[in-house]
PDB file of N, CA and C in Angstrom:
ATOM      1  N   MET A   1       0.852  -1.170   0.000  1.00  0.00           N
ATOM      2  CA  MET A   1       0.000   0.000   0.000  1.00  0.00           C
ATOM      3  C   MET A   1       0.904   1.242   0.000  1.00  0.00           C
ATOM      4  N   SER A   2       0.692   2.124  -0.931  1.00  0.00           N
ATOM      5  CA  SER A   2       1.510   3.333  -1.075  1.00  0.00           C
ATOM      6  C   SER A   2       1.038   4.434  -0.128  1.00  0.00           C
ATOM      7  N   LEU A   3       1.837   5.491  -0.009  1.00  0.00           N
ATOM      8  CA  LEU A   3       1.430   6.648   0.785  1.00  0.00           C
ATOM      9  C   LEU A   3       0.105   7.186   0.269  1.00  0.00           C
ATOM     10  N   ALA A   4      -0.044   7.279  -1.042  1.00  0.00           N
ATOM     11  CA  ALA A   4      -1.298   7.762  -1.631  1.00  0.00           C
ATOM     12  C   ALA A   4      -2.470   6.875  -1.214  1.00  0.00           C
ATOM     13  N   ASP A   5      -2.278   5.566  -1.234  1.00  0.00           N
ATOM     14  CA  ASP A   5      -3.337   4.639  -0.829  1.00  0.00           C
ATOM     15  C   ASP A   5      -3.719   4.837   0.637  1.00  0.00           C
ATOM     16  N   ARG A   6      -2.706   5.014   1.496  1.00  0.00           N
ATOM     17  CA  ARG A   6      -2.978   5.203   2.922  1.00  0.00           C
ATOM     18  C   ARG A   6      -3.707   6.526   3.170  1.00  0.00           C
ATOM     19  N   ILE A   7      -3.295   7.571   2.481  1.00  0.00           N
ATOM     20  CA  ILE A   7      -3.971   8.869   2.618  1.00  0.00           C
ATOM     21  C   ILE A   7      -5.424   8.745   2.170  1.00  0.00           C
ATOM     22  N   ASN A   8      -5.643   8.144   1.023  1.00  0.00           N
ATOM     23  CA  ASN A   8      -7.008   7.989   0.511  1.00  0.00           C
ATOM     24  C   ASN A   8      -7.865   7.123   1.426  1.00  0.00           C
ATOM     25  N   ALA A   9      -7.269   6.079   1.993  1.00  0.00           N
ATOM     26  CA  ALA A   9      -8.016   5.216   2.911  1.00  0.00           C
ATOM     27  C   ALA A   9      -8.498   6.010   4.121  1.00  0.00           C
ATOM     28  N   ARG A  10      -7.640   6.854   4.667  1.00  0.00           N
ATOM     29  CA  ARG A  10      -8.025   7.644   5.841  1.00  0.00           C
ATOM     30  C   ARG A  10      -9.021   8.746   5.478  1.00  0.00           C
ATOM     31  N   ILE A  11      -8.837   9.370   4.319  1.00  0.00           N
ATOM     32  CA  ILE A  11      -9.791  10.395   3.874  1.00  0.00           C
ATOM     33  C   ILE A  11     -11.184   9.788   3.782  1.00  0.00           C
ATOM     34  N   HIS A  12     -11.266   8.614   3.161  1.00  0.00           N
ATOM     35  CA  HIS A  12     -12.562   7.956   2.999  1.00  0.00           C
ATOM     36  C   HIS A  12     -13.114   7.465   4.338  1.00  0.00           C
ATOM     37  N   ALA A  13     -12.240   6.920   5.181  1.00  0.00           N
ATOM     38  CA  ALA A  13     -12.693   6.418   6.486  1.00  0.00           C
ATOM     39  C   ALA A  13     -13.259   7.540   7.356  1.00  0.00           C
ATOM     40  N   LEU A  14     -12.683   8.725   7.242  1.00  0.00           N
ATOM     41  CA  LEU A  14     -13.133   9.864   8.040  1.00  0.00           C
ATOM     42  C   LEU A  14     -14.226  10.670   7.348  1.00  0.00           C
ATOM     43  N   GLY A  15     -14.463  10.392   6.072  1.00  0.00           N
ATOM     44  CA  GLY A  15     -15.476  11.129   5.322  1.00  0.00           C
ATOM     45  C   GLY A  15     -15.090  12.585   5.097  1.00  0.00           C
ATOM     46  N   LEU A  16     -13.811  12.825   4.865  1.00  0.00           N
ATOM     47  CA  LEU A  16     -13.317  14.184   4.668  1.00  0.00           C
ATOM     48  C   LEU A  16     -13.120  14.497   3.192  1.00  0.00           C
ATOM     49  N   THR A  17     -13.056  15.772   2.895  1.00  0.00           N
ATOM     50  CA  THR A  17     -12.657  16.220   1.558  1.00  0.00           C
ATOM     51  C   THR A  17     -11.179  16.576   1.606  1.00  0.00           C
ATOM     52  N   GLN A  18     -10.578  16.729   0.441  1.00  0.00           N
ATOM     53  CA  GLN A  18      -9.181  17.153   0.391  1.00  0.00           C
ATOM     54  C   GLN A  18      -9.021  18.545   1.005  1.00  0.00           C
ATOM     55  N   ASP A  19     -10.002  19.410   0.802  1.00  0.00           N
ATOM     56  CA  ASP A  19      -9.959  20.746   1.402  1.00  0.00           C
ATOM     57  C   ASP A  19      -9.942  20.659   2.917  1.00  0.00           C
ATOM     58  N   GLU A  20     -10.756  19.774   3.488  1.00  0.00           N
ATOM     59  CA  GLU A  20     -10.813  19.624   4.937  1.00  0.00           C
ATOM     60  C   GLU A  20      -9.498  19.070   5.487  1.00  0.00           C
ATOM     61  N   VAL A  21      -8.916  18.109   4.785  1.00  0.00           N
ATOM     62  CA  VAL A  21      -7.626  17.551   5.200  1.00  0.00           C
ATOM     63  C   VAL A  21      -6.562  18.640   5.151  1.00  0.00           C
ATOM     64  N   ALA A  22      -6.569  19.412   4.077  1.00  0.00           N
ATOM     65  CA  ALA A  22      -5.588  20.490   3.932  1.00  0.00           C
ATOM     66  C   ALA A  22      -5.709  21.500   5.075  1.00  0.00           C
ATOM     67  N   ALA A  23      -6.926  21.885   5.409  1.00  0.00           N
ATOM     68  CA  ALA A  23      -7.144  22.847   6.490  1.00  0.00           C
ATOM     69  C   ALA A  23      -6.681  22.275   7.825  1.00  0.00           C
ATOM     70  N   ARG A  24      -6.996  21.007   8.071  1.00  0.00           N
ATOM     71  CA  ARG A  24      -6.576  20.359   9.320  1.00  0.00           C
ATOM     72  C   ARG A  24      -5.055  20.285   9.430  1.00  0.00           C
ATOM     73  N   ALA A  25      -4.398  20.006   8.311  1.00  0.00           N
ATOM     74  CA  ALA A  25      -2.948  19.813   8.314  1.00  0.00           C
ATOM     75  C   ALA A  25      -2.170  21.113   8.122  1.00  0.00           C
ATOM     76  N   GLY A  26      -2.856  22.161   7.726  1.00  0.00           N
ATOM     77  CA  GLY A  26      -2.166  23.426   7.489  1.00  0.00           C
ATOM     78  C   GLY A  26      -1.321  23.417   6.225  1.00  0.00           C
ATOM     79  N   ILE A  27      -1.780  22.663   5.227  1.00  0.00           N
ATOM     80  CA  ILE A  27      -1.095  22.611   3.937  1.00  0.00           C
ATOM     81  C   ILE A  27      -2.094  22.945   2.843  1.00  0.00           C
ATOM     82  N   SER A  28      -1.614  23.090   1.631  1.00  0.00           N
ATOM     83  CA  SER A  28      -2.517  23.444   0.533  1.00  0.00           C
ATOM     84  C   SER A  28      -3.318  22.233   0.063  1.00  0.00           C
ATOM     85  N   GLN A  29      -4.479  22.513  -0.503  1.00  0.00           N
ATOM     86  CA  GLN A  29      -5.293  21.444  -1.075  1.00  0.00           C
ATOM     87  C   GLN A  29      -4.533  20.821  -2.241  1.00  0.00           C
ATOM     88  N   GLY A  30      -3.754  21.618  -2.951  1.00  0.00           N
ATOM     89  CA  GLY A  30      -2.958  21.099  -4.058  1.00  0.00           C
ATOM     90  C   GLY A  30      -1.954  20.053  -3.598  1.00  0.00           C
ATOM     91  N   MET A  31      -1.358  20.269  -2.418  1.00  0.00           N
ATOM     92  CA  MET A  31      -0.413  19.288  -1.889  1.00  0.00           C
ATOM     93  C   MET A  31      -1.143  18.016  -1.489  1.00  0.00           C
ATOM     94  N   VAL A  32      -2.321  18.149  -0.902  1.00  0.00           N
ATOM     95  CA  VAL A  32      -3.108  16.958  -0.559  1.00  0.00           C
ATOM     96  C   VAL A  32      -3.437  16.190  -1.834  1.00  0.00           C
ATOM     97  N   TYR A  33      -3.822  16.909  -2.891  1.00  0.00           N
ATOM     98  CA  TYR A  33      -4.112  16.258  -4.170  1.00  0.00           C
ATOM     99  C   TYR A  33      -2.879  15.528  -4.698  1.00  0.00           C
ATOM    100  N   LYS A  34      -1.725  16.193  -4.686  1.00  0.00           N
ATOM    101  CA  LYS A  34      -0.499  15.563  -5.194  1.00  0.00           C
ATOM    102  C   LYS A  34      -0.160  14.300  -4.422  1.00  0.00           C
ATOM    103  N   LEU A  35      -0.317  14.362  -3.097  1.00  0.00           N
ATOM    104  CA  LEU A  35      -0.008  13.194  -2.272  1.00  0.00           C
ATOM    105  C   LEU A  35      -1.032  12.082  -2.474  1.00  0.00           C
ATOM    106  N   SER A  36      -2.305  12.427  -2.519  1.00  0.00           N
ATOM    107  CA  SER A  36      -3.349  11.400  -2.641  1.00  0.00           C
ATOM    108  C   SER A  36      -3.416  10.797  -4.042  1.00  0.00           C
ATOM    109  N   SER A  37      -2.898  11.507  -5.021  1.00  0.00           N
ATOM    110  CA  SER A  37      -2.876  10.977  -6.386  1.00  0.00           C
ATOM    111  C   SER A  37      -1.594  10.217  -6.695  1.00  0.00           C
ATOM    112  N   GLY A  38      -0.612  10.315  -5.785  1.00  0.00           N
ATOM    113  CA  GLY A  38       0.661   9.646  -6.011  1.00  0.00           C
ATOM    114  C   GLY A  38       1.656  10.476  -6.791  1.00  0.00           C
ATOM    115  N   ARG A  39       1.274  11.702  -7.168  1.00  0.00           N
ATOM    116  CA  ARG A  39       2.203  12.573  -7.907  1.00  0.00           C
ATOM    117  C   ARG A  39       3.350  13.028  -7.018  1.00  0.00           C
ATOM    118  N   ALA A  40       3.090  13.193  -5.732  1.00  0.00           N
ATOM    119  CA  ALA A  40       4.145  13.483  -4.752  1.00  0.00           C
ATOM    120  C   ALA A  40       4.290  12.237  -3.887  1.00  0.00           C
ATOM    121  N   LYS A  41       5.502  11.789  -3.690  1.00  0.00           N
ATOM    122  CA  LYS A  41       5.751  10.556  -2.932  1.00  0.00           C
ATOM    123  C   LYS A  41       6.144  10.822  -1.485  1.00  0.00           C
ATOM    124  N   ARG A  42       6.497  12.083  -1.161  1.00  0.00           N
ATOM    125  CA  ARG A  42       6.957  12.429   0.175  1.00  0.00           C
ATOM    126  C   ARG A  42       6.444  13.806   0.545  1.00  0.00           C
ATOM    127  N   THR A  43       6.460  14.080   1.843  1.00  0.00           N
ATOM    128  CA  THR A  43       6.097  15.399   2.318  1.00  0.00           C
ATOM    129  C   THR A  43       6.842  15.699   3.604  1.00  0.00           C
ATOM    130  N   SER A  44       7.212  16.940   3.781  1.00  0.00           N
ATOM    131  CA  SER A  44       7.837  17.350   5.039  1.00  0.00           C
ATOM    132  C   SER A  44       6.775  17.626   6.097  1.00  0.00           C
ATOM    133  N   HIS A  45       5.507  17.495   5.727  1.00  0.00           N
ATOM    134  CA  HIS A  45       4.386  17.748   6.636  1.00  0.00           C
ATOM    135  C   HIS A  45       3.710  16.444   7.080  1.00  0.00           C
ATOM    136  N   ILE A  46       4.480  15.368   7.145  1.00  0.00           N
ATOM    137  CA  ILE A  46       3.903  14.060   7.464  1.00  0.00           C
ATOM    138  C   ILE A  46       3.298  14.032   8.869  1.00  0.00           C
ATOM    139  N   VAL A  47       3.906  14.741   9.812  1.00  0.00           N
ATOM    140  CA  VAL A  47       3.377  14.770  11.180  1.00  0.00           C
ATOM    141  C   VAL A  47       2.004  15.428  11.189  1.00  0.00           C
ATOM    142  N   GLU A  48       1.912  16.593  10.542  1.00  0.00           N
ATOM    143  CA  GLU A  48       0.643  17.308  10.490  1.00  0.00           C
ATOM    144  C   GLU A  48      -0.427  16.512   9.748  1.00  0.00           C
ATOM    145  N   LEU A  49      -0.001  15.837   8.694  1.00  0.00           N
ATOM    146  CA  LEU A  49      -0.937  15.036   7.906  1.00  0.00           C
ATOM    147  C   LEU A  49      -1.472  13.858   8.722  1.00  0.00           C
ATOM    148  N   ALA A  50      -0.603  13.206   9.483  1.00  0.00           N
ATOM    149  CA  ALA A  50      -1.045  12.096  10.331  1.00  0.00           C
ATOM    150  C   ALA A  50      -2.058  12.589  11.368  1.00  0.00           C
ATOM    151  N   GLN A  51      -1.804  13.756  11.929  1.00  0.00           N
ATOM    152  CA  GLN A  51      -2.754  14.315  12.893  1.00  0.00           C
ATOM    153  C   GLN A  51      -4.083  14.624  12.208  1.00  0.00           C
ATOM    154  N   ALA A  52      -4.020  15.224  11.035  1.00  0.00           N
ATOM    155  CA  ALA A  52      -5.238  15.578  10.300  1.00  0.00           C
ATOM    156  C   ALA A  52      -6.046  14.346   9.933  1.00  0.00           C
ATOM    157  N   LEU A  53      -5.354  13.258   9.639  1.00  0.00           N
ATOM    158  CA  LEU A  53      -6.015  12.025   9.224  1.00  0.00           C
ATOM    159  C   LEU A  53      -6.274  11.081  10.395  1.00  0.00           C
ATOM    160  N   GLU A  54      -5.944  11.543  11.600  1.00  0.00           N
ATOM    161  CA  GLU A  54      -6.225  10.787  12.820  1.00  0.00           C
ATOM    162  C   GLU A  54      -5.695   9.364  12.762  1.00  0.00           C
ATOM    163  N   CYS A  55      -4.415   9.242  12.392  1.00  0.00           N
ATOM    164  CA  CYS A  55      -3.793   7.928  12.314  1.00  0.00           C
ATOM    165  C   CYS A  55      -2.379   7.990  12.862  1.00  0.00           C
ATOM    166  N   GLU A  56      -1.806   6.823  13.074  1.00  0.00           N
ATOM    167  CA  GLU A  56      -0.429   6.740  13.550  1.00  0.00           C
ATOM    168  C   GLU A  56       0.513   7.288  12.495  1.00  0.00           C
ATOM    169  N   LEU A  57       1.460   8.073  12.935  1.00  0.00           N
ATOM    170  CA  LEU A  57       2.486   8.605  12.056  1.00  0.00           C
ATOM    171  C   LEU A  57       3.252   7.475  11.376  1.00  0.00           C
ATOM    172  N   SER A  58       3.598   6.449  12.142  1.00  0.00           N
ATOM    173  CA  SER A  58       4.367   5.331  11.586  1.00  0.00           C
ATOM    174  C   SER A  58       3.609   4.645  10.456  1.00  0.00           C
ATOM    175  N   TRP A  59       2.310   4.471  10.635  1.00  0.00           N
ATOM    176  CA  TRP A  59       1.517   3.814   9.588  1.00  0.00           C
ATOM    177  C   TRP A  59       1.445   4.683   8.346  1.00  0.00           C
ATOM    178  N   LEU A  60       1.207   5.967   8.536  1.00  0.00           N
ATOM    179  CA  LEU A  60       1.096   6.857   7.381  1.00  0.00           C
ATOM    180  C   LEU A  60       2.419   6.932   6.632  1.00  0.00           C
ATOM    181  N   ALA A  61       3.525   7.043   7.360  1.00  0.00           N
ATOM    182  CA  ALA A  61       4.841   7.198   6.725  1.00  0.00           C
ATOM    183  C   ALA A  61       5.343   5.922   6.069  1.00  0.00           C
ATOM    184  N   THR A  62       5.110   4.764   6.709  1.00  0.00           N
ATOM    185  CA  THR A  62       5.731   3.531   6.230  1.00  0.00           C
ATOM    186  C   THR A  62       4.760   2.413   5.896  1.00  0.00           C
ATOM    187  N   GLY A  63       3.521   2.530   6.355  1.00  0.00           N
ATOM    188  CA  GLY A  63       2.564   1.449   6.162  1.00  0.00           C
ATOM    189  C   GLY A  63       2.640   0.406   7.251  1.00  0.00           C
ATOM    190  N   GLN A  64       3.517   0.613   8.239  1.00  0.00           N
ATOM    191  CA  GLN A  64       3.661  -0.337   9.339  1.00  0.00           C
ATOM    192  C   GLN A  64       3.166   0.277  10.635  1.00  0.00           C
ATOM    193  N   GLN A  65       2.585  -0.560  11.469  1.00  0.00           N
ATOM    194  CA  GLN A  65       2.096  -0.127  12.771  1.00  0.00           C
ATOM    195  C   GLN A  65       3.192  -0.278  13.809  1.00  0.00           C
ATOM    196  N   LEU A  66       3.044   0.424  14.906  1.00  0.00           N
ATOM    197  CA  LEU A  66       3.955   0.244  16.026  1.00  0.00           C
ATOM    198  C   LEU A  66       3.673  -1.071  16.744  1.00  0.00           C
ATOM    199  N   GLY A  67       2.440  -1.515  16.767  1.00  0.00           N
ATOM    200  CA  GLY A  67       2.067  -2.757  17.441  1.00  0.00           C
ATOM    201  C   GLY A  67       1.633  -3.801  16.444  1.00  0.00           C
ATOM    202  N   GLU A  68       1.468  -5.006  16.915  1.00  0.00           N
ATOM    203  CA  GLU A  68       1.029  -6.084  16.040  1.00  0.00           C
ATOM    204  C   GLU A  68      -0.475  -6.261  16.142  1.00  0.00           C
ATOM    205  N   GLY A  69      -1.063  -6.835  15.111  1.00  0.00           N
ATOM    206  CA  GLY A  69      -2.476  -7.149  15.144  1.00  0.00           C
ATOM    207  C   GLY A  69      -3.385  -5.940  15.022  1.00  0.00           C
ATOM    208  N   VAL A  70      -2.899  -4.896  14.382  1.00  0.00           N
ATOM    209  CA  VAL A  70      -3.685  -3.681  14.225  1.00  0.00           C
ATOM    210  C   VAL A  70      -4.108  -3.580  12.775  1.00  0.00           C
ATOM    211  N   SER A  71      -5.333  -3.162  12.545  1.00  0.00           N
ATOM    212  CA  SER A  71      -5.830  -3.055  11.175  1.00  0.00           C
ATOM    213  C   SER A  71      -5.085  -1.973  10.416  1.00  0.00           C
ATOM    214  N   GLU A  72      -5.114  -2.034   9.104  1.00  0.00           N
ATOM    215  CA  GLU A  72      -4.443  -1.047   8.278  1.00  0.00           C
ATOM    216  C   GLU A  72      -5.129   0.306   8.296  1.00  0.00           C
ATOM    217  N   ALA A  73      -6.251   0.424   8.948  1.00  0.00           N
ATOM    218  CA  ALA A  73      -6.963   1.696   8.987  1.00  0.00           C
ATOM    219  C   ALA A  73      -6.293   2.701   9.903  1.00  0.00           C
ATOM    220  N   GLY A  74      -5.271   2.295  10.655  1.00  0.00           N
ATOM    221  CA  GLY A  74      -4.529   3.246  11.457  1.00  0.00           C
ATOM    222  C   GLY A  74      -5.074   3.437  12.858  1.00  0.00           C
ATOM    223  N   ALA A  75      -5.343   2.363  13.555  1.00  0.00           N
ATOM    224  CA  ALA A  75      -5.814   2.469  14.940  1.00  0.00           C
ATOM    225  C   ALA A  75      -4.685   2.968  15.832  1.00  0.00           C
ATOM    226  N   ASP A  76      -5.004   3.308  17.071  1.00  0.00           N
ATOM    227  CA  ASP A  76      -4.008   3.920  17.933  1.00  0.00           C
ATOM    228  C   ASP A  76      -3.405   2.931  18.921  1.00  0.00           C
ATOM    229  N   TYR A  77      -3.234   1.690  18.565  1.00  0.00           N
ATOM    230  CA  TYR A  77      -2.668   0.661  19.426  1.00  0.00           C
ATOM    231  C   TYR A  77      -1.182   0.928  19.689  1.00  0.00           C
ATOM    232  N   MET A  78      -0.788   0.734  20.924  1.00  0.00           N
ATOM    233  CA  MET A  78       0.619   0.791  21.307  1.00  0.00           C
ATOM    234  C   MET A  78       0.887  -0.370  22.248  1.00  0.00           C
ATOM    235  N   PRO A  79       2.038  -1.024  22.130  1.00  0.00           N
ATOM    236  CA  PRO A  79       2.371  -2.066  23.097  1.00  0.00           C
ATOM    237  C   PRO A  79       2.403  -1.466  24.505  1.00  0.00           C
ATOM    238  N   THR A  80       2.018  -2.232  25.497  1.00  0.00           N
ATOM    239  CA  THR A  80       1.969  -1.703  26.855  1.00  0.00           C
ATOM    240  C   THR A  80       3.354  -1.638  27.492  1.00  0.00           C
ATOM    241  N   ASP A  81       4.265  -2.474  27.070  1.00  0.00           N
ATOM    242  CA  ASP A  81       5.610  -2.488  27.617  1.00  0.00           C
ATOM    243  C   ASP A  81       6.431  -1.335  27.029  1.00  0.00           C
ATOM    244  N   ALA A  82       6.970  -0.479  27.877  1.00  0.00           N
ATOM    245  CA  ALA A  82       7.721   0.695  27.418  1.00  0.00           C
ATOM    246  C   ALA A  82       8.921   0.294  26.562  1.00  0.00           C
ATOM    247  N   ARG A  83       9.604  -0.785  26.926  1.00  0.00           N
ATOM    248  CA  ARG A  83      10.769  -1.234  26.152  1.00  0.00           C
ATOM    249  C   ARG A  83      10.345  -1.659  24.751  1.00  0.00           C
ATOM    250  N   ALA A  84       9.210  -2.353  24.641  1.00  0.00           N
ATOM    251  CA  ALA A  84       8.703  -2.791  23.336  1.00  0.00           C
ATOM    252  C   ALA A  84       8.313  -1.585  22.489  1.00  0.00           C
ATOM    253  N   ARG A  85       7.699  -0.579  23.102  1.00  0.00           N
ATOM    254  CA  ARG A  85       7.338   0.644  22.361  1.00  0.00           C
ATOM    255  C   ARG A  85       8.581   1.331  21.824  1.00  0.00           C
ATOM    256  N   ARG A  86       9.591   1.451  22.676  1.00  0.00           N
ATOM    257  CA  ARG A  86      10.824   2.125  22.264  1.00  0.00           C
ATOM    258  C   ARG A  86      11.479   1.384  21.092  1.00  0.00           C
ATOM    259  N   LYS A  87      11.567   0.070  21.187  1.00  0.00           N
ATOM    260  CA  LYS A  87      12.175  -0.726  20.113  1.00  0.00           C
ATOM    261  C   LYS A  87      11.381  -0.588  18.814  1.00  0.00           C
ATOM    262  N   ALA A  88      10.059  -0.590  18.918  1.00  0.00           N
ATOM    263  CA  ALA A  88       9.217  -0.456  17.725  1.00  0.00           C
ATOM    264  C   ALA A  88       9.440   0.895  17.065  1.00  0.00           C
ATOM    265  N   VAL A  89       9.517   1.937  17.862  1.00  0.00           N
ATOM    266  CA  VAL A  89       9.751   3.277  17.315  1.00  0.00           C
ATOM    267  C   VAL A  89      11.140   3.350  16.681  1.00  0.00           C
ATOM    268  N   GLU A  90      12.138   2.786  17.334  1.00  0.00           N
ATOM    269  CA  GLU A  90      13.492   2.790  16.787  1.00  0.00           C
ATOM    270  C   GLU A  90      13.555   2.074  15.438  1.00  0.00           C
ATOM    271  N   ARG A  91      12.854   0.939  15.328  1.00  0.00           N
ATOM    272  CA  ARG A  91      12.835   0.206  14.050  1.00  0.00           C
ATOM    273  C   ARG A  91      12.206   1.054  12.946  1.00  0.00           C
ATOM    274  N   LEU A  92      11.101   1.708  13.268  1.00  0.00           N
ATOM    275  CA  LEU A  92      10.424   2.530  12.267  1.00  0.00           C
ATOM    276  C   LEU A  92      11.259   3.743  11.870  1.00  0.00           C
ATOM    277  N   LEU A  93      11.871   4.392  12.833  1.00  0.00           N
ATOM    278  CA  LEU A  93      12.700   5.556  12.527  1.00  0.00           C
ATOM    279  C   LEU A  93      13.892   5.182  11.658  1.00  0.00           C
ATOM    280  N   ALA A  94      14.450   4.007  11.900  1.00  0.00           N
ATOM    281  CA  ALA A  94      15.611   3.556  11.121  1.00  0.00           C
ATOM    282  C   ALA A  94      15.262   3.391   9.641  1.00  0.00           C
ATOM    283  N   GLN A  95      13.992   3.187   9.334  1.00  0.00           N
ATOM    284  CA  GLN A  95      13.563   3.010   7.946  1.00  0.00           C
ATOM    285  C   GLN A  95      13.365   4.338   7.225  1.00  0.00           C
ATOM    286  N   LEU A  96      13.332   5.430   7.968  1.00  0.00           N
ATOM    287  CA  LEU A  96      13.090   6.744   7.378  1.00  0.00           C
ATOM    288  C   LEU A  96      14.390   7.432   7.010  1.00  0.00           C
ATOM    289  N   SER A  97      14.295   8.349   6.081  1.00  0.00           N
ATOM    290  CA  SER A  97      15.471   9.139   5.706  1.00  0.00           C
ATOM    291  C   SER A  97      15.831  10.078   6.852  1.00  0.00           C
ATOM    292  N   PRO A  98      17.084  10.546   6.905  1.00  0.00           N
ATOM    293  CA  PRO A  98      17.470  11.510   7.937  1.00  0.00           C
ATOM    294  C   PRO A  98      16.596  12.767   7.917  1.00  0.00           C
ATOM    295  N   LYS A  99      16.207  13.213   6.736  1.00  0.00           N
ATOM    296  CA  LYS A  99      15.350  14.394   6.630  1.00  0.00           C
ATOM    297  C   LYS A  99      13.996  14.135   7.287  1.00  0.00           C
ATOM    298  N   ASP A 100      13.400  12.961   7.015  1.00  0.00           N
ATOM    299  CA  ASP A 100      12.112  12.618   7.613  1.00  0.00           C
ATOM    300  C   ASP A 100      12.241  12.444   9.124  1.00  0.00           C
ATOM    301  N   GLN A 101      13.359  11.862   9.570  1.00  0.00           N
ATOM    302  CA  GLN A 101      13.590  11.726  11.009  1.00  0.00           C
ATOM    303  C   GLN A 101      13.631  13.097  11.668  1.00  0.00           C
ATOM    304  N   LYS A 102      14.299  14.050  11.025  1.00  0.00           N
ATOM    305  CA  LYS A 102      14.397  15.407  11.563  1.00  0.00           C
ATOM    306  C   LYS A 102      13.017  16.053  11.620  1.00  0.00           C
ATOM    307  N   GLU A 103      12.215  15.902  10.574  1.00  0.00           N
ATOM    308  CA  GLU A 103      10.873  16.480  10.545  1.00  0.00           C
ATOM    309  C   GLU A 103       9.997  15.913  11.662  1.00  0.00           C
ATOM    310  N   ILE A 104      10.110  14.622  11.885  1.00  0.00           N
ATOM    311  CA  ILE A 104       9.332  13.993  12.953  1.00  0.00           C
ATOM    312  C   ILE A 104       9.766  14.534  14.310  1.00  0.00           C
ATOM    313  N   ALA A 105      11.070  14.600  14.531  1.00  0.00           N
ATOM    314  CA  ALA A 105      11.574  15.122  15.806  1.00  0.00           C
ATOM    315  C   ALA A 105      11.116  16.557  16.028  1.00  0.00           C
ATOM    316  N   LEU A 106      11.205  17.382  15.001  1.00  0.00           N
ATOM    317  CA  LEU A 106      10.764  18.770  15.129  1.00  0.00           C
ATOM    318  C   LEU A 106       9.268  18.847  15.421  1.00  0.00           C
ATOM    319  N   GLY A 107       8.493  18.029  14.737  1.00  0.00           N
ATOM    320  CA  GLY A 107       7.048  18.012  14.970  1.00  0.00           C
ATOM    321  C   GLY A 107       6.703  17.626  16.401  1.00  0.00           C
ATOM    322  N   ILE A 108       7.406  16.645  16.932  1.00  0.00           N
ATOM    323  CA  ILE A 108       7.161  16.212  18.311  1.00  0.00           C
ATOM    324  C   ILE A 108       7.520  17.319  19.295  1.00  0.00           C
ATOM    325  N   ILE A 109       8.643  17.955  19.078  1.00  0.00           N
ATOM    326  CA  ILE A 109       9.063  19.039  19.970  1.00  0.00           C
ATOM    327  C   ILE A 109       8.064  20.188  19.924  1.00  0.00           C
ATOM    328  N   LEU A 110       7.635  20.562  18.736  1.00  0.00           N
ATOM    329  CA  LEU A 110       6.664  21.648  18.608  1.00  0.00           C
ATOM    330  C   LEU A 110       5.359  21.315  19.316  1.00  0.00           C
ATOM    331  N   LEU A 111       4.900  20.076  19.152  1.00  0.00           N
ATOM    332  CA  LEU A 111       3.665  19.659  19.817  1.00  0.00           C
ATOM    333  C   LEU A 111       3.835  19.592  21.328  1.00  0.00           C
ATOM    334  N   ARG A 112       4.951  19.068  21.772  1.00  0.00           N
ATOM    335  CA  ARG A 112       5.206  18.901  23.211  1.00  0.00           C
ATOM    336  C   ARG A 112       5.174  20.219  23.954  1.00  0.00           C
ATOM    337  N   PHE A 113       5.720  21.256  23.330  1.00  0.00           N
ATOM    338  CA  PHE A 113       5.790  22.549  23.980  1.00  0.00           C
ATOM    339  C   PHE A 113       4.674  23.492  23.556  1.00  0.00           C
ATOM    340  N   GLY A 114       3.720  22.968  22.794  1.00  0.00           N
ATOM    341  CA  GLY A 114       2.565  23.770  22.400  1.00  0.00           C
ATOM    342  C   GLY A 114       2.892  24.861  21.410  1.00  0.00           C
ATOM    343  N   TRP A 115       3.937  24.664  20.628  1.00  0.00           N
ATOM    344  CA  TRP A 115       4.355  25.671  19.652  1.00  0.00           C
ATOM    345  C   TRP A 115       3.776  25.403  18.278  1.00  0.00           C
ATOM    346  N   ALA A 116       3.041  24.313  18.127  1.00  0.00           N
ATOM    347  CA  ALA A 116       2.496  23.949  16.809  1.00  0.00           C
ATOM    348  C   ALA A 116       1.174  24.653  16.576  1.00  0.00           C
TER     349      ALA A 116
END
């Protein structure tokens, strides 16, 4: 399943329009169109997009969940063991480019301190 497929699945699951997703994520409707059509394969706004689409960042970025046995619709399951969560996050981050890792870290910091 491609990034475009995952975006479209969440748009349809939430019953949103591209305009609504764009407004939620703070990006242009044109960028949502490019991503959902597959014309754009990456975005530096993946954190905002995951929030707008109400899904796990890891699933949206890579198609993989942090936990096992979770549907592809992007549920919010997390392993209960802190060590297992940390290892799962480390595995997912290792699959991302350094640029995407930086964007995720910045997004988390901005959200943590209420600067987003």
